Amino acid sequence: MKKIETVFDQSQLTLDKGEQAVKDAVTAIRNALRAGTASTKGKGEVSGSNKKPWKQKGTGNARAGFRQSPVWRGGGVAHGPKPRDFSQKINKKVMKLAFARALSDKLVAGDVIVVDEFAFEAPKTKLMAALLKSLGVDRTAVVVQKDVDDTTLLVTSNLPRIDYSTAQALDVYTVMANRKIVCDKAGYDALLARIAK
């Protein structure tokens, strides 16, 4: 596995527009990852009787109509969270523009590393760790291939701060969240094809 010099046509890159698209795409992707399962019971859902705790007047206590009141301990929650869907709709063209801009910035910055192929004699994590170290990857990175290779997936999966993706499945958030993109020649060509104008 040897490093290959990245070659790309500057005119094919998107560098003059798309900043807002990148922001919107990342926000939408992160919102879609939210579980949205937080839930509380309102005063109508807390178990308890409808009996008035004490009479309206004459006791010296504040008036009270039911024990499920939000101001009482054990009562319902006022305006509490309910299960909801946080996902946002993003147009396909906006998402495509966002990906093109994010990848173009990585290419210009020299953060895309290309090797001829990923070939490991055994599915050992230390082999991928040694390869990444030799390539100068010391922080977050995403390993990209054109198609899923089980051996490469295995040697990558136990490495902290290292993601794995195919060229077609790679999204804007993964590109932005990782410092480097490490791909083989086929994966690199597939990425360039995705942003070709």
Protein backbone atom coordinates (compact mmCIF):
# COMPACT_ATOMS: atom_id res chain seq x y z
CA MET A 1 0.00 0.00 0.00
CA LYS A 2 1.66 3.16 -1.16
CA LYS A 3 0.48 6.75 -1.11
CA ILE A 4 -0.67 8.27 -4.40
CA GLU A 5 -0.56 11.97 -5.24
CA THR A 6 -4.08 13.41 -5.39
CA VAL A 7 -4.94 14.75 -8.83
CA PHE A 8 -8.09 16.80 -9.39
CA ASP A 9 -9.40 19.42 -11.77
CA GLN A 10 -9.73 22.73 -9.92
CA SER A 11 -12.58 23.76 -12.22
CA GLN A 12 -14.60 20.74 -11.05
CA LEU A 13 -14.49 21.89 -7.41
CA THR A 14 -17.16 23.98 -5.72
CA LEU A 15 -15.42 26.76 -3.78
CA ASP A 16 -17.45 29.88 -4.59
CA LYS A 17 -20.76 28.87 -2.95
CA GLY A 18 -22.34 26.37 -0.60
CA GLU A 19 -21.25 27.52 2.87
CA GLN A 20 -24.84 27.92 4.05
CA ALA A 21 -25.76 24.61 2.42
CA VAL A 22 -23.02 22.88 4.46
CA LYS A 23 -24.34 24.41 7.68
CA ASP A 24 -27.94 23.45 6.88
CA ALA A 25 -26.96 19.91 5.88
CA VAL A 26 -24.89 19.29 9.03
CA THR A 27 -27.70 20.66 11.21
CA ALA A 28 -30.26 18.43 9.48
CA ILE A 29 -28.09 15.31 9.75
CA ARG A 30 -27.37 15.89 13.43
CA ASN A 31 -31.04 16.57 14.17
CA ALA A 32 -32.00 13.33 12.41
CA LEU A 33 -29.66 11.47 14.79
CA ARG A 34 -31.54 12.74 17.85
CA ALA A 35 -33.68 10.10 19.53
CA GLY A 36 -36.49 12.48 20.49
CA THR A 37 -37.70 10.03 23.14
CA ALA A 38 -37.73 12.37 26.18
CA SER A 39 -41.17 12.18 27.77
CA THR A 40 -42.94 13.40 30.91
CA LYS A 41 -46.49 13.02 32.24
CA GLY A 42 -48.81 16.01 32.33
CA LYS A 43 -51.38 16.59 35.06
CA GLY A 44 -53.97 14.60 33.11
CA GLU A 45 -51.70 11.55 32.84
CA VAL A 46 -50.48 11.25 36.45
CA SER A 47 -52.43 8.60 38.40
CA GLY A 48 -54.62 9.87 41.22
CA SER A 49 -58.24 10.60 42.07
CA ASN A 50 -60.29 13.64 41.16
CA LYS A 51 -61.25 14.15 44.82
CA LYS A 52 -60.62 17.63 46.18
CA PRO A 53 -57.84 17.29 48.82
CA TRP A 54 -59.63 19.60 51.28
CA LYS A 55 -62.52 22.01 51.22
CA GLN A 56 -62.14 25.30 49.38
CA LYS A 57 -62.33 27.64 52.38
CA GLY A 58 -61.77 27.68 56.09
CA THR A 59 -58.69 25.46 56.50
CA GLY A 60 -56.00 28.11 56.17
CA ASN A 61 -54.36 26.13 53.37
CA ALA A 62 -54.06 27.37 49.81
CA ARG A 63 -56.98 26.25 47.67
CA ALA A 64 -56.39 22.95 45.87
CA GLY A 65 -58.52 21.09 43.37
CA PHE A 66 -56.54 17.87 42.73
CA ARG A 67 -53.31 16.26 43.85
CA GLN A 68 -51.94 15.89 40.30
CA SER A 69 -51.28 19.64 40.15
CA PRO A 70 -47.86 20.59 38.70
CA VAL A 71 -47.08 22.63 41.83
CA TRP A 72 -47.39 19.56 44.05
CA ARG A 73 -44.70 16.95 44.66
CA GLY A 74 -45.60 13.88 42.62
CA GLY A 75 -47.84 15.91 40.36
CA GLY A 76 -47.68 16.31 36.61
CA VAL A 77 -45.07 18.31 34.69
CA ALA A 78 -46.18 21.58 33.14
CA HIS A 79 -45.12 21.95 29.49
CA GLY A 80 -42.74 18.97 29.75
CA PRO A 81 -41.13 17.21 26.77
CA LYS A 82 -43.01 14.66 24.69
CA PRO A 83 -41.65 12.23 22.06
CA ARG A 84 -41.04 14.14 18.85
CA ASP A 85 -39.32 13.88 15.50
CA PHE A 86 -36.43 16.32 15.09
CA SER A 87 -35.72 15.49 11.43
CA GLN A 88 -35.62 18.31 8.89
CA LYS A 89 -36.25 18.21 5.17
CA ILE A 90 -33.32 19.19 2.97
CA ASN A 91 -33.64 19.42 -0.79
CA LYS A 92 -31.50 16.98 -2.79
CA LYS A 93 -29.80 19.81 -4.68
CA VAL A 94 -28.87 21.57 -1.43
CA MET A 95 -27.44 18.34 0.02
CA LYS A 96 -25.46 17.71 -3.18
CA LEU A 97 -24.10 21.28 -3.12
CA ALA A 98 -23.16 20.91 0.55
CA PHE A 99 -21.25 17.67 -0.10
CA ALA A 100 -19.45 19.18 -3.10
CA ARG A 101 -18.39 22.23 -1.06
CA ALA A 102 -17.26 20.18 1.96
CA LEU A 103 -15.22 17.74 -0.14
CA SER A 104 -13.78 20.55 -2.29
CA ASP A 105 -12.51 22.32 0.83
CA LYS A 106 -10.86 19.08 2.02
CA LEU A 107 -9.18 18.56 -1.36
CA VAL A 108 -7.82 22.10 -1.52
CA ALA A 109 -6.59 21.89 2.08
CA GLY A 110 -4.71 18.66 1.28
CA ASP A 111 -6.72 16.64 3.81
CA VAL A 112 -7.54 13.84 1.36
CA ILE A 113 -4.97 11.02 1.39
CA VAL A 114 -5.09 8.40 -1.37
CA VAL A 115 -3.43 4.98 -1.32
CA ASP A 116 -3.36 2.53 -4.22
CA GLU A 117 -5.39 -0.08 -2.28
CA PHE A 118 -6.15 -1.42 1.20
CA ALA A 119 -4.62 -4.90 1.34
CA PHE A 120 -4.19 -6.58 4.73
CA GLU A 121 -2.85 -10.09 5.17
CA ALA A 122 -5.01 -10.55 8.27
CA PRO A 123 -7.88 -8.61 9.89
CA LYS A 124 -5.67 -7.03 12.58
CA THR A 125 -6.40 -3.57 13.92
CA LYS A 126 -2.71 -2.88 14.47
CA LEU A 127 -2.09 -3.16 10.70
CA MET A 128 -4.50 -0.30 9.98
CA ALA A 129 -3.13 1.68 12.93
CA ALA A 130 0.40 1.34 11.52
CA LEU A 131 -0.78 2.37 8.04
CA LEU A 132 -2.54 5.47 9.35
CA LYS A 133 0.51 6.40 11.42
CA SER A 134 2.76 6.09 8.36
CA LEU A 135 0.36 8.36 6.45
CA GLY A 136 0.55 11.01 9.17
CA VAL A 137 -3.00 10.54 10.46
CA ASP A 138 -2.82 11.29 14.17
CA ARG A 139 -6.36 12.55 14.80
CA THR A 140 -9.84 11.87 13.41
CA ALA A 141 -10.18 10.32 9.96
CA VAL A 142 -12.67 8.51 7.77
CA VAL A 143 -11.57 5.54 5.64
CA VAL A 144 -13.41 5.49 2.30
CA GLN A 145 -13.71 2.72 -0.29
CA LYS A 146 -15.88 2.36 -3.38
CA ASP A 147 -17.48 -0.85 -2.05
CA VAL A 148 -17.52 -2.38 1.42
CA ASP A 149 -14.51 -4.63 2.08
CA ASP A 150 -15.02 -6.84 5.14
CA THR A 151 -11.33 -7.00 6.06
CA THR A 152 -10.87 -3.21 5.90
CA LEU A 153 -14.07 -2.75 7.89
CA LEU A 154 -12.80 -5.12 10.59
CA VAL A 155 -9.36 -3.53 10.92
CA THR A 156 -10.98 -0.08 11.16
CA SER A 157 -13.88 -0.76 13.51
CA ASN A 158 -11.88 -0.93 16.76
CA LEU A 159 -9.84 2.22 16.15
CA PRO A 160 -11.01 5.20 18.18
CA ARG A 161 -11.82 8.37 16.21
CA ILE A 162 -11.63 6.48 12.89
CA ASP A 163 -14.81 6.08 10.80
CA TYR A 164 -15.47 3.85 7.81
CA SER A 165 -17.72 4.57 4.83
CA THR A 166 -18.26 3.84 1.18
CA ALA A 167 -17.88 6.65 -1.33
CA GLN A 168 -21.61 6.66 -2.06
CA ALA A 169 -22.69 6.61 1.61
CA LEU A 170 -20.29 9.32 2.79
CA ASP A 171 -22.24 12.34 4.02
CA VAL A 172 -21.46 15.99 4.72
CA TYR A 173 -21.39 15.58 8.50
CA THR A 174 -18.81 12.75 8.37
CA VAL A 175 -16.64 14.82 6.01
CA MET A 176 -16.78 17.84 8.32
CA ALA A 177 -16.39 15.87 11.56
CA ASN A 178 -13.15 14.17 10.52
CA ARG A 179 -9.80 15.88 10.01
CA LYS A 180 -8.63 13.58 7.20
CA ILE A 181 -10.18 11.42 4.47
CA VAL A 182 -8.15 8.30 3.67
CA CYS A 183 -9.30 6.41 0.58
CA ASP A 184 -8.10 3.97 -2.01
CA LYS A 185 -7.86 4.86 -5.70
CA ALA A 186 -11.29 3.45 -6.59
CA GLY A 187 -12.92 5.24 -3.65
CA TYR A 188 -11.20 8.51 -4.58
CA ASP A 189 -12.44 8.30 -8.17
CA ALA A 190 -15.97 7.59 -6.92
CA LEU A 191 -15.83 10.67 -4.65
CA LEU A 192 -14.71 12.88 -7.54
CA ALA A 193 -17.51 11.47 -9.68
CA ARG A 194 -20.04 12.51 -7.01
CA ILE A 195 -18.99 16.17 -7.15
CA ALA A 196 -18.41 16.35 -10.91
CA LYS A 197 -20.35 19.23 -12.49
